Amino acid sequence: MAITNTYKIQNNQWIIWTDNGNRYFKSYNSIIACVDNDNKITLNKWEWSYSATTLKYLKKFILLVTNKYIVTKKEIEDKIKSGEFAVVENFSLPD
C-alpha cells in the first residue's frame, strides 16, 4: 500500500488516499478513520472521539468521502453499536 494523494482539511487535519483506494483521516499524528472502496467506515477505537475538534473534522471527513451527514457523537456511537461502523485498535500507513 502506498500513499497516492493527500488533502489538507485544516491545520493538522488531513485526508490521505492510498493506491488500494482506501481513504484515511489523519489528525495530527493519529489515523482516526478509514473508508474503504465499499464506503465501509472503520474508526480508531482510542482516537475517534479524542476531542471536540477531532470529532468535528471526523464528521467533515465522513461527509466528504461518503456523502453521509453525521450530526452528533451519539449517531457515531449508535453506528458502532449496530455494526455499521467498525472499530480497530490502530491503523498504520506506509512511510
PDB file of N, CA and C in Angstrom:
ATOM      1  N   MET A   1       0.841  -1.169   0.000  1.00  0.00           N
ATOM      2  CA  MET A   1       0.000   0.000   0.000  1.00  0.00           C
ATOM      3  C   MET A   1       0.891   1.238   0.000  1.00  0.00           C
ATOM      4  N   ALA A   2       0.588   2.169  -0.884  1.00  0.00           N
ATOM      5  CA  ALA A   2       1.352   3.412  -0.961  1.00  0.00           C
ATOM      6  C   ALA A   2       0.401   4.604  -0.945  1.00  0.00           C
ATOM      7  N   ILE A   3       0.854   5.689  -0.355  1.00  0.00           N
ATOM      8  CA  ILE A   3       0.061   6.923  -0.353  1.00  0.00           C
ATOM      9  C   ILE A   3       0.126   7.522  -1.748  1.00  0.00           C
ATOM     10  N   THR A   4      -1.050   7.876  -2.289  1.00  0.00           N
ATOM     11  CA  THR A   4      -1.091   8.457  -3.633  1.00  0.00           C
ATOM     12  C   THR A   4      -1.471   9.928  -3.640  1.00  0.00           C
ATOM     13  N   ASN A   5      -2.164  10.392  -2.591  1.00  0.00           N
ATOM     14  CA  ASN A   5      -2.589  11.782  -2.561  1.00  0.00           C
ATOM     15  C   ASN A   5      -2.931  12.181  -1.133  1.00  0.00           C
ATOM     16  N   THR A   6      -2.841  13.465  -0.838  1.00  0.00           N
ATOM     17  CA  THR A   6      -3.272  13.996   0.448  1.00  0.00           C
ATOM     18  C   THR A   6      -4.036  15.292   0.216  1.00  0.00           C
ATOM     19  N   TYR A   7      -4.936  15.594   1.132  1.00  0.00           N
ATOM     20  CA  TYR A   7      -5.712  16.831   1.081  1.00  0.00           C
ATOM     21  C   TYR A   7      -5.793  17.393   2.488  1.00  0.00           C
ATOM     22  N   LYS A   8      -5.387  18.630   2.646  1.00  0.00           N
ATOM     23  CA  LYS A   8      -5.404  19.280   3.954  1.00  0.00           C
ATOM     24  C   LYS A   8      -6.790  19.892   4.186  1.00  0.00           C
ATOM     25  N   ILE A   9      -7.504  19.364   5.185  1.00  0.00           N
ATOM     26  CA  ILE A   9      -8.814  19.910   5.541  1.00  0.00           C
ATOM     27  C   ILE A   9      -8.627  21.207   6.310  1.00  0.00           C
ATOM     28  N   GLN A  10      -7.719  21.181   7.249  1.00  0.00           N
ATOM     29  CA  GLN A  10      -7.428  22.290   8.149  1.00  0.00           C
ATOM     30  C   GLN A  10      -6.040  22.017   8.708  1.00  0.00           C
ATOM     31  N   ASN A  11      -5.465  22.961   9.422  1.00  0.00           N
ATOM     32  CA  ASN A  11      -4.172  22.697  10.046  1.00  0.00           C
ATOM     33  C   ASN A  11      -4.234  21.397  10.844  1.00  0.00           C
ATOM     34  N   ASN A  12      -3.299  20.512  10.574  1.00  0.00           N
ATOM     35  CA  ASN A  12      -3.153  19.234  11.276  1.00  0.00           C
ATOM     36  C   ASN A  12      -4.294  18.252  11.047  1.00  0.00           C
ATOM     37  N   GLN A  13      -5.110  18.471  10.021  1.00  0.00           N
ATOM     38  CA  GLN A  13      -6.233  17.588   9.692  1.00  0.00           C
ATOM     39  C   GLN A  13      -6.128  17.232   8.212  1.00  0.00           C
ATOM     40  N   TRP A  14      -5.940  15.939   7.903  1.00  0.00           N
ATOM     41  CA  TRP A  14      -5.655  15.516   6.530  1.00  0.00           C
ATOM     42  C   TRP A  14      -6.540  14.361   6.076  1.00  0.00           C
ATOM     43  N   ILE A  15      -6.825  14.335   4.777  1.00  0.00           N
ATOM     44  CA  ILE A  15      -7.364  13.146   4.130  1.00  0.00           C
ATOM     45  C   ILE A  15      -6.221  12.554   3.320  1.00  0.00           C
ATOM     46  N   ILE A  16      -6.036  11.245   3.439  1.00  0.00           N
ATOM     47  CA  ILE A  16      -4.959  10.544   2.744  1.00  0.00           C
ATOM     48  C   ILE A  16      -5.564   9.440   1.890  1.00  0.00           C
ATOM     49  N   TRP A  17      -5.188   9.396   0.616  1.00  0.00           N
ATOM     50  CA  TRP A  17      -5.611   8.334  -0.294  1.00  0.00           C
ATOM     51  C   TRP A  17      -4.453   7.361  -0.489  1.00  0.00           C
ATOM     52  N   THR A  18      -4.781   6.084  -0.579  1.00  0.00           N
ATOM     53  CA  THR A  18      -3.764   5.081  -0.865  1.00  0.00           C
ATOM     54  C   THR A  18      -4.075   4.406  -2.198  1.00  0.00           C
ATOM     55  N   ASP A  19      -3.073   3.720  -2.748  1.00  0.00           N
ATOM     56  CA  ASP A  19      -3.239   3.114  -4.068  1.00  0.00           C
ATOM     57  C   ASP A  19      -4.260   1.976  -4.096  1.00  0.00           C
ATOM     58  N   ASN A  20      -4.668   1.474  -2.934  1.00  0.00           N
ATOM     59  CA  ASN A  20      -5.714   0.447  -2.913  1.00  0.00           C
ATOM     60  C   ASN A  20      -7.116   1.061  -2.806  1.00  0.00           C
ATOM     61  N   GLY A  21      -7.191   2.394  -2.847  1.00  0.00           N
ATOM     62  CA  GLY A  21      -8.472   3.088  -2.848  1.00  0.00           C
ATOM     63  C   GLY A  21      -8.988   3.503  -1.482  1.00  0.00           C
ATOM     64  N   ASN A  22      -8.310   3.085  -0.418  1.00  0.00           N
ATOM     65  CA  ASN A  22      -8.748   3.494   0.917  1.00  0.00           C
ATOM     66  C   ASN A  22      -8.474   4.967   1.136  1.00  0.00           C
ATOM     67  N   ARG A  23      -9.338   5.596   1.914  1.00  0.00           N
ATOM     68  CA  ARG A  23      -9.167   6.988   2.306  1.00  0.00           C
ATOM     69  C   ARG A  23      -9.080   7.042   3.818  1.00  0.00           C
ATOM     70  N   TYR A  24      -8.104   7.753   4.328  1.00  0.00           N
ATOM     71  CA  TYR A  24      -7.855   7.841   5.758  1.00  0.00           C
ATOM     72  C   TYR A  24      -7.998   9.280   6.232  1.00  0.00           C
ATOM     73  N   PHE A  25      -8.452   9.433   7.465  1.00  0.00           N
ATOM     74  CA  PHE A  25      -8.480  10.743   8.108  1.00  0.00           C
ATOM     75  C   PHE A  25      -7.389  10.752   9.162  1.00  0.00           C
ATOM     76  N   LYS A  26      -6.476  11.711   9.041  1.00  0.00           N
ATOM     77  CA  LYS A  26      -5.364  11.852   9.983  1.00  0.00           C
ATOM     78  C   LYS A  26      -5.507  13.184  10.714  1.00  0.00           C
ATOM     79  N   SER A  27      -5.433  13.121  12.030  1.00  0.00           N
ATOM     80  CA  SER A  27      -5.454  14.313  12.861  1.00  0.00           C
ATOM     81  C   SER A  27      -4.150  14.343  13.646  1.00  0.00           C
ATOM     82  N   TYR A  28      -3.367  15.386  13.431  1.00  0.00           N
ATOM     83  CA  TYR A  28      -2.024  15.472  13.998  1.00  0.00           C
ATOM     84  C   TYR A  28      -1.250  14.218  13.601  1.00  0.00           C
ATOM     85  N   ASN A  29      -0.833  13.373  14.536  1.00  0.00           N
ATOM     86  CA  ASN A  29      -0.052  12.181  14.193  1.00  0.00           C
ATOM     87  C   ASN A  29      -0.850  10.884  14.277  1.00  0.00           C
ATOM     88  N   SER A  30      -2.163  10.994  14.413  1.00  0.00           N
ATOM     89  CA  SER A  30      -3.003   9.808  14.586  1.00  0.00           C
ATOM     90  C   SER A  30      -3.925   9.584  13.395  1.00  0.00           C
ATOM     91  N   ILE A  31      -4.023   8.323  12.985  1.00  0.00           N
ATOM     92  CA  ILE A  31      -5.017   7.953  11.978  1.00  0.00           C
ATOM     93  C   ILE A  31      -6.313   7.690  12.736  1.00  0.00           C
ATOM     94  N   ILE A  32      -7.340   8.442  12.410  1.00  0.00           N
ATOM     95  CA  ILE A  32      -8.599   8.413  13.139  1.00  0.00           C
ATOM     96  C   ILE A  32      -9.602   7.463  12.501  1.00  0.00           C
ATOM     97  N   ALA A  33      -9.627   7.453  11.159  1.00  0.00           N
ATOM     98  CA  ALA A  33     -10.650   6.658  10.470  1.00  0.00           C
ATOM     99  C   ALA A  33     -10.168   6.251   9.089  1.00  0.00           C
ATOM    100  N   CYS A  34     -10.835   5.215   8.573  1.00  0.00           N
ATOM    101  CA  CYS A  34     -10.583   4.735   7.222  1.00  0.00           C
ATOM    102  C   CYS A  34     -11.923   4.465   6.553  1.00  0.00           C
ATOM    103  N   VAL A  35     -12.021   4.833   5.286  1.00  0.00           N
ATOM    104  CA  VAL A  35     -13.169   4.467   4.460  1.00  0.00           C
ATOM    105  C   VAL A  35     -12.613   3.665   3.294  1.00  0.00           C
ATOM    106  N   ASP A  36     -13.117   2.438   3.125  1.00  0.00           N
ATOM    107  CA  ASP A  36     -12.608   1.585   2.049  1.00  0.00           C
ATOM    108  C   ASP A  36     -13.402   1.794   0.758  1.00  0.00           C
ATOM    109  N   ASN A  37     -13.097   0.995  -0.257  1.00  0.00           N
ATOM    110  CA  ASN A  37     -13.741   1.138  -1.569  1.00  0.00           C
ATOM    111  C   ASN A  37     -15.248   0.912  -1.539  1.00  0.00           C
ATOM    112  N   ASP A  38     -15.723   0.169  -0.547  1.00  0.00           N
ATOM    113  CA  ASP A  38     -17.159  -0.086  -0.410  1.00  0.00           C
ATOM    114  C   ASP A  38     -17.836   0.929   0.509  1.00  0.00           C
ATOM    115  N   ASN A  39     -17.108   1.990   0.854  1.00  0.00           N
ATOM    116  CA  ASN A  39     -17.566   3.032   1.782  1.00  0.00           C
ATOM    117  C   ASN A  39     -17.820   2.509   3.190  1.00  0.00           C
ATOM    118  N   LYS A  40     -17.167   1.408   3.537  1.00  0.00           N
ATOM    119  CA  LYS A  40     -17.225   0.886   4.913  1.00  0.00           C
ATOM    120  C   LYS A  40     -16.321   1.763   5.776  1.00  0.00           C
ATOM    121  N   ILE A  41     -16.869   2.257   6.863  1.00  0.00           N
ATOM    122  CA  ILE A  41     -16.141   3.166   7.748  1.00  0.00           C
ATOM    123  C   ILE A  41     -15.590   2.393   8.942  1.00  0.00           C
ATOM    124  N   THR A  42     -14.298   2.562   9.191  1.00  0.00           N
ATOM    125  CA  THR A  42     -13.634   1.956  10.335  1.00  0.00           C
ATOM    126  C   THR A  42     -12.983   3.065  11.142  1.00  0.00           C
ATOM    127  N   LEU A  43     -13.202   3.049  12.445  1.00  0.00           N
ATOM    128  CA  LEU A  43     -12.688   4.087  13.338  1.00  0.00           C
ATOM    129  C   LEU A  43     -11.610   3.544  14.266  1.00  0.00           C
ATOM    130  N   ASN A  44     -10.671   4.406  14.623  1.00  0.00           N
ATOM    131  CA  ASN A  44      -9.671   4.084  15.631  1.00  0.00           C
ATOM    132  C   ASN A  44     -10.357   4.138  16.995  1.00  0.00           C
ATOM    133  N   LYS A  45     -10.380   3.024  17.668  1.00  0.00           N
ATOM    134  CA  LYS A  45     -11.086   2.879  18.948  1.00  0.00           C
ATOM    135  C   LYS A  45     -10.709   3.958  19.957  1.00  0.00           C
ATOM    136  N   TRP A  46      -9.444   4.309  19.993  1.00  0.00           N
ATOM    137  CA  TRP A  46      -8.946   5.211  21.031  1.00  0.00           C
ATOM    138  C   TRP A  46      -8.946   6.674  20.625  1.00  0.00           C
ATOM    139  N   GLU A  47      -9.035   6.965  19.343  1.00  0.00           N
ATOM    140  CA  GLU A  47      -8.805   8.335  18.879  1.00  0.00           C
ATOM    141  C   GLU A  47     -10.026   9.050  18.301  1.00  0.00           C
ATOM    142  N   TRP A  48     -11.054   8.321  17.843  1.00  0.00           N
ATOM    143  CA  TRP A  48     -12.107   8.973  17.071  1.00  0.00           C
ATOM    144  C   TRP A  48     -12.856  10.050  17.852  1.00  0.00           C
ATOM    145  N   SER A  49     -12.939   9.914  19.161  1.00  0.00           N
ATOM    146  CA  SER A  49     -13.649  10.921  19.965  1.00  0.00           C
ATOM    147  C   SER A  49     -12.708  11.626  20.937  1.00  0.00           C
ATOM    148  N   TYR A  50     -11.450  11.729  20.568  1.00  0.00           N
ATOM    149  CA  TYR A  50     -10.408  12.286  21.437  1.00  0.00           C
ATOM    150  C   TYR A  50     -10.745  13.697  21.918  1.00  0.00           C
ATOM    151  N   SER A  51     -11.256  14.535  21.010  1.00  0.00           N
ATOM    152  CA  SER A  51     -11.585  15.922  21.364  1.00  0.00           C
ATOM    153  C   SER A  51     -12.730  16.404  20.483  1.00  0.00           C
ATOM    154  N   ALA A  52     -13.285  17.532  20.854  1.00  0.00           N
ATOM    155  CA  ALA A  52     -14.356  18.135  20.048  1.00  0.00           C
ATOM    156  C   ALA A  52     -13.844  18.476  18.649  1.00  0.00           C
ATOM    157  N   THR A  53     -12.601  18.907  18.555  1.00  0.00           N
ATOM    158  CA  THR A  53     -12.023  19.255  17.251  1.00  0.00           C
ATOM    159  C   THR A  53     -11.843  18.012  16.392  1.00  0.00           C
ATOM    160  N   THR A  54     -11.329  16.935  16.970  1.00  0.00           N
ATOM    161  CA  THR A  54     -11.186  15.683  16.221  1.00  0.00           C
ATOM    162  C   THR A  54     -12.540  15.224  15.709  1.00  0.00           C
ATOM    163  N   LEU A  55     -13.540  15.253  16.560  1.00  0.00           N
ATOM    164  CA  LEU A  55     -14.885  14.828  16.168  1.00  0.00           C
ATOM    165  C   LEU A  55     -15.446  15.715  15.061  1.00  0.00           C
ATOM    166  N   LYS A  56     -15.229  17.007  15.159  1.00  0.00           N
ATOM    167  CA  LYS A  56     -15.705  17.950  14.143  1.00  0.00           C
ATOM    168  C   LYS A  56     -15.133  17.592  12.763  1.00  0.00           C
ATOM    169  N   TYR A  57     -13.832  17.357  12.704  1.00  0.00           N
ATOM    170  CA  TYR A  57     -13.208  17.062  11.416  1.00  0.00           C
ATOM    171  C   TYR A  57     -13.444  15.622  10.971  1.00  0.00           C
ATOM    172  N   LEU A  58     -13.669  14.713  11.896  1.00  0.00           N
ATOM    173  CA  LEU A  58     -14.072  13.362  11.517  1.00  0.00           C
ATOM    174  C   LEU A  58     -15.407  13.403  10.786  1.00  0.00           C
ATOM    175  N   LYS A  59     -16.356  14.168  11.304  1.00  0.00           N
ATOM    176  CA  LYS A  59     -17.661  14.284  10.654  1.00  0.00           C
ATOM    177  C   LYS A  59     -17.522  14.915   9.270  1.00  0.00           C
ATOM    178  N   LYS A  60     -16.647  15.906   9.129  1.00  0.00           N
ATOM    179  CA  LYS A  60     -16.399  16.508   7.806  1.00  0.00           C
ATOM    180  C   LYS A  60     -15.792  15.488   6.842  1.00  0.00           C
ATOM    181  N   PHE A  61     -14.834  14.701   7.335  1.00  0.00           N
ATOM    182  CA  PHE A  61     -14.213  13.655   6.522  1.00  0.00           C
ATOM    183  C   PHE A  61     -15.263  12.671   6.023  1.00  0.00           C
ATOM    184  N   ILE A  62     -16.107  12.187   6.923  1.00  0.00           N
ATOM    185  CA  ILE A  62     -17.142  11.234   6.535  1.00  0.00           C
ATOM    186  C   ILE A  62     -18.057  11.837   5.478  1.00  0.00           C
ATOM    187  N   LEU A  63     -18.444  13.080   5.640  1.00  0.00           N
ATOM    188  CA  LEU A  63     -19.296  13.744   4.650  1.00  0.00           C
ATOM    189  C   LEU A  63     -18.587  13.875   3.304  1.00  0.00           C
ATOM    190  N   LEU A  64     -17.335  14.286   3.328  1.00  0.00           N
ATOM    191  CA  LEU A  64     -16.590  14.493   2.079  1.00  0.00           C
ATOM    192  C   LEU A  64     -16.386  13.203   1.288  1.00  0.00           C
ATOM    193  N   VAL A  65     -16.090  12.105   1.956  1.00  0.00           N
ATOM    194  CA  VAL A  65     -15.730  10.889   1.220  1.00  0.00           C
ATOM    195  C   VAL A  65     -16.872   9.894   1.050  1.00  0.00           C
ATOM    196  N   THR A  66     -17.957  10.047   1.840  1.00  0.00           N
ATOM    197  CA  THR A  66     -19.069   9.093   1.708  1.00  0.00           C
ATOM    198  C   THR A  66     -20.409   9.758   1.437  1.00  0.00           C
ATOM    199  N   ASN A  67     -20.467  11.069   1.606  1.00  0.00           N
ATOM    200  CA  ASN A  67     -21.715  11.828   1.472  1.00  0.00           C
ATOM    201  C   ASN A  67     -22.721  11.471   2.580  1.00  0.00           C
ATOM    202  N   LYS A  68     -22.230  10.920   3.693  1.00  0.00           N
ATOM    203  CA  LYS A  68     -23.080  10.636   4.849  1.00  0.00           C
ATOM    204  C   LYS A  68     -22.957  11.796   5.822  1.00  0.00           C
ATOM    205  N   TYR A  69     -24.082  12.377   6.183  1.00  0.00           N
ATOM    206  CA  TYR A  69     -24.092  13.524   7.082  1.00  0.00           C
ATOM    207  C   TYR A  69     -24.316  13.050   8.510  1.00  0.00           C
ATOM    208  N   ILE A  70     -23.343  13.269   9.367  1.00  0.00           N
ATOM    209  CA  ILE A  70     -23.395  12.887  10.775  1.00  0.00           C
ATOM    210  C   ILE A  70     -23.460  14.170  11.597  1.00  0.00           C
ATOM    211  N   VAL A  71     -24.444  14.269  12.493  1.00  0.00           N
ATOM    212  CA  VAL A  71     -24.611  15.484  13.277  1.00  0.00           C
ATOM    213  C   VAL A  71     -24.007  15.362  14.670  1.00  0.00           C
ATOM    214  N   THR A  72     -24.208  14.218  15.316  1.00  0.00           N
ATOM    215  CA  THR A  72     -23.819  14.110  16.719  1.00  0.00           C
ATOM    216  C   THR A  72     -22.871  12.935  16.982  1.00  0.00           C
ATOM    217  N   LYS A  73     -22.182  13.021  18.097  1.00  0.00           N
ATOM    218  CA  LYS A  73     -21.328  11.931  18.555  1.00  0.00           C
ATOM    219  C   LYS A  73     -22.163  10.681  18.808  1.00  0.00           C
ATOM    220  N   LYS A  74     -23.373  10.860  19.330  1.00  0.00           N
ATOM    221  CA  LYS A  74     -24.259   9.729  19.607  1.00  0.00           C
ATOM    222  C   LYS A  74     -24.598   8.965  18.334  1.00  0.00           C
ATOM    223  N   GLU A  75     -24.755   9.659  17.223  1.00  0.00           N
ATOM    224  CA  GLU A  75     -25.014   8.970  15.953  1.00  0.00           C
ATOM    225  C   GLU A  75     -23.868   8.011  15.617  1.00  0.00           C
ATOM    226  N   ILE A  76     -22.644   8.467  15.821  1.00  0.00           N
ATOM    227  CA  ILE A  76     -21.486   7.609  15.562  1.00  0.00           C
ATOM    228  C   ILE A  76     -21.486   6.429  16.530  1.00  0.00           C
ATOM    229  N   GLU A  77     -21.727   6.698  17.806  1.00  0.00           N
ATOM    230  CA  GLU A  77     -21.779   5.618  18.797  1.00  0.00           C
ATOM    231  C   GLU A  77     -22.851   4.580  18.429  1.00  0.00           C
ATOM    232  N   ASP A  78     -24.007   5.049  17.966  1.00  0.00           N
ATOM    233  CA  ASP A  78     -25.075   4.133  17.557  1.00  0.00           C
ATOM    234  C   ASP A  78     -24.665   3.296  16.349  1.00  0.00           C
ATOM    235  N   LYS A  79     -23.946   3.909  15.412  1.00  0.00           N
ATOM    236  CA  LYS A  79     -23.493   3.179  14.226  1.00  0.00           C
ATOM    237  C   LYS A  79     -22.423   2.138  14.594  1.00  0.00           C
ATOM    238  N   ILE A  80     -21.621   2.434  15.603  1.00  0.00           N
ATOM    239  CA  ILE A  80     -20.654   1.452  16.099  1.00  0.00           C
ATOM    240  C   ILE A  80     -21.405   0.286  16.742  1.00  0.00           C
ATOM    241  N   LYS A  81     -22.357   0.592  17.592  1.00  0.00           N
ATOM    242  CA  LYS A  81     -23.125  -0.455  18.286  1.00  0.00           C
ATOM    243  C   LYS A  81     -23.882  -1.345  17.298  1.00  0.00           C
ATOM    244  N   SER A  82     -24.406  -0.740  16.218  1.00  0.00           N
ATOM    245  CA  SER A  82     -25.179  -1.518  15.240  1.00  0.00           C
ATOM    246  C   SER A  82     -24.287  -2.320  14.296  1.00  0.00           C
ATOM    247  N   GLY A  83     -22.980  -1.999  14.290  1.00  0.00           N
ATOM    248  CA  GLY A  83     -22.054  -2.676  13.392  1.00  0.00           C
ATOM    249  C   GLY A  83     -21.893  -1.986  12.049  1.00  0.00           C
ATOM    250  N   GLU A  84     -22.601  -0.885  11.840  1.00  0.00           N
ATOM    251  CA  GLU A  84     -22.453  -0.143  10.579  1.00  0.00           C
ATOM    252  C   GLU A  84     -21.043   0.447  10.457  1.00  0.00           C
ATOM    253  N   PHE A  85     -20.493   0.921  11.574  1.00  0.00           N
ATOM    254  CA  PHE A  85     -19.115   1.403  11.622  1.00  0.00           C
ATOM    255  C   PHE A  85     -18.296   0.368  12.394  1.00  0.00           C
ATOM    256  N   ALA A  86     -17.146   0.004  11.869  1.00  0.00           N
ATOM    257  CA  ALA A  86     -16.242  -0.911  12.558  1.00  0.00           C
ATOM    258  C   ALA A  86     -15.270  -0.104  13.419  1.00  0.00           C
ATOM    259  N   VAL A  87     -14.641  -0.793  14.364  1.00  0.00           N
ATOM    260  CA  VAL A  87     -13.661  -0.160  15.245  1.00  0.00           C
ATOM    261  C   VAL A  87     -12.430  -1.065  15.308  1.00  0.00           C
ATOM    262  N   VAL A  88     -11.245  -0.445  15.222  1.00  0.00           N
ATOM    263  CA  VAL A  88      -9.982  -1.174  15.343  1.00  0.00           C
ATOM    264  C   VAL A  88      -9.117  -0.513  16.411  1.00  0.00           C
ATOM    265  N   GLU A  89      -8.145  -1.266  16.881  1.00  0.00           N
ATOM    266  CA  GLU A  89      -7.230  -0.734  17.902  1.00  0.00           C
ATOM    267  C   GLU A  89      -6.312   0.351  17.342  1.00  0.00           C
ATOM    268  N   ASN A  90      -5.884   0.182  16.066  1.00  0.00           N
ATOM    269  CA  ASN A  90      -4.932   1.129  15.496  1.00  0.00           C
ATOM    270  C   ASN A  90      -4.848   0.942  13.991  1.00  0.00           C
ATOM    271  N   PHE A  91      -4.405   1.975  13.298  1.00  0.00           N
ATOM    272  CA  PHE A  91      -4.140   1.930  11.856  1.00  0.00           C
ATOM    273  C   PHE A  91      -2.658   2.130  11.618  1.00  0.00           C
ATOM    274  N   SER A  92      -2.197   1.666  10.459  1.00  0.00           N
ATOM    275  CA  SER A  92      -0.837   2.006  10.065  1.00  0.00           C
ATOM    276  C   SER A  92      -0.853   2.381   8.589  1.00  0.00           C
ATOM    277  N   LEU A  93      -0.013   3.300   8.241  1.00  0.00           N
ATOM    278  CA  LEU A  93       0.158   3.750   6.856  1.00  0.00           C
ATOM    279  C   LEU A  93       1.593   3.500   6.431  1.00  0.00           C
ATOM    280  N   PRO A  94       1.830   3.417   5.127  1.00  0.00           N
ATOM    281  CA  PRO A  94       3.219   3.292   4.675  1.00  0.00           C
ATOM    282  C   PRO A  94       3.987   4.568   4.965  1.00  0.00           C
ATOM    283  N   ASP A  95       5.290   4.440   5.064  1.00  0.00           N
ATOM    284  CA  ASP A  95       6.141   5.623   5.301  1.00  0.00           C
ATOM    285  C   ASP A  95       6.177   6.511   4.085  1.00  0.00           C
TER     286      ASP A  95
END
